[in-house]
Protein backbone atom coordinates (compact mmCIF):
# COMPACT_ATOMS: atom_id res chain seq x y z
CA MET A 1 12.13 8.70 1.59
CA ASP A 2 9.52 10.74 3.41
CA ILE A 3 7.90 7.82 5.22
CA ASN A 4 4.94 9.87 6.48
CA PHE A 5 4.18 10.96 2.92
CA GLU A 6 4.27 7.33 1.79
CA TYR A 7 2.03 6.20 4.67
CA ALA A 8 -0.47 8.93 3.71
CA ALA A 9 -0.32 7.98 0.02
CA HIS A 10 -0.92 4.33 0.92
CA GLN A 11 -3.92 5.23 3.08
CA SER A 12 -5.32 7.50 0.36
CA ALA A 13 -5.03 4.74 -2.22
CA LEU A 14 -6.90 2.36 0.10
CA MET A 15 -9.64 4.93 0.67
CA ARG A 16 -9.96 5.54 -3.08
CA ALA A 17 -10.21 1.77 -3.60
CA ALA A 18 -12.93 1.52 -0.96
CA SER A 19 -14.99 4.22 -2.65
CA ALA A 20 -14.29 3.20 -6.26
CA THR A 21 -17.28 3.15 -8.55
CA SER A 22 -16.05 0.21 -10.62
CA ALA A 23 -14.03 -2.95 -10.18
CA GLU A 24 -11.44 -1.63 -12.64
CA PHE A 25 -10.81 1.52 -10.59
CA ARG A 26 -10.78 -0.53 -7.38
CA ARG A 27 -8.09 -2.82 -8.83
CA LYS A 28 -6.00 0.16 -9.95
CA HIS A 29 -6.12 1.76 -6.52
CA ILE A 30 -5.32 -1.54 -4.80
CA ALA A 31 -2.36 -1.97 -7.16
CA THR A 32 -1.15 1.51 -6.25
CA ALA A 33 -1.50 0.74 -2.53
CA SER A 34 0.39 -2.53 -3.00
CA ARG A 35 3.21 -0.78 -4.85
CA ILE A 36 3.52 1.83 -2.11
CA ALA A 37 3.45 -0.87 0.58
CA GLY A 38 6.30 -2.63 -1.22
CA GLN A 39 8.34 0.57 -1.27
CA ILE A 40 7.68 1.15 2.42
CA GLY A 41 8.65 -2.42 3.25
CA LEU A 42 11.88 -2.17 1.24
CA PHE A 43 12.79 1.10 2.94
CA GLN A 44 12.12 -0.36 6.37
CA ARG A 45 14.09 -3.54 5.64
CA GLN A 46 17.04 -1.43 4.53
CA LEU A 47 16.87 0.31 7.90
CA GLY A 48 16.52 -2.99 9.75
CA ALA A 49 13.11 -1.94 11.10
CA ALA A 50 11.10 -4.69 12.78
CA ALA A 51 7.85 -3.38 11.27
CA ALA A 52 9.09 -4.13 7.75
CA CYS A 53 7.67 -7.66 7.78
CA ALA A 54 4.13 -6.29 8.04
CA TRP A 55 4.55 -4.29 4.82
CA SER A 56 5.93 -7.23 2.87
CA ALA A 57 3.32 -9.80 3.88
CA GLY A 58 1.97 -9.99 0.34
CA PRO A 59 -0.59 -8.37 -1.93
CA LEU A 60 -3.74 -6.82 -0.58
CA ILE A 61 -6.89 -8.89 -0.83
CA THR A 62 -10.13 -7.28 -1.86
CA THR A 63 -13.64 -8.53 -2.42
CA GLU A 64 -15.71 -7.43 -5.33
């Protein structure tokens, strides 16, 4: 896994969610960011990385 690519994809999804023009698009981008965060967390746990717990803390919360 290219972890820097995944970090960038996660950040991009969050930025797209923040600038979404509808609640539906916002939810889709948040879901994408959550999926990527899960993949990052799994990768880090497999490596035994201490930071993994931060990526597996649960789904992202957004206000509408």
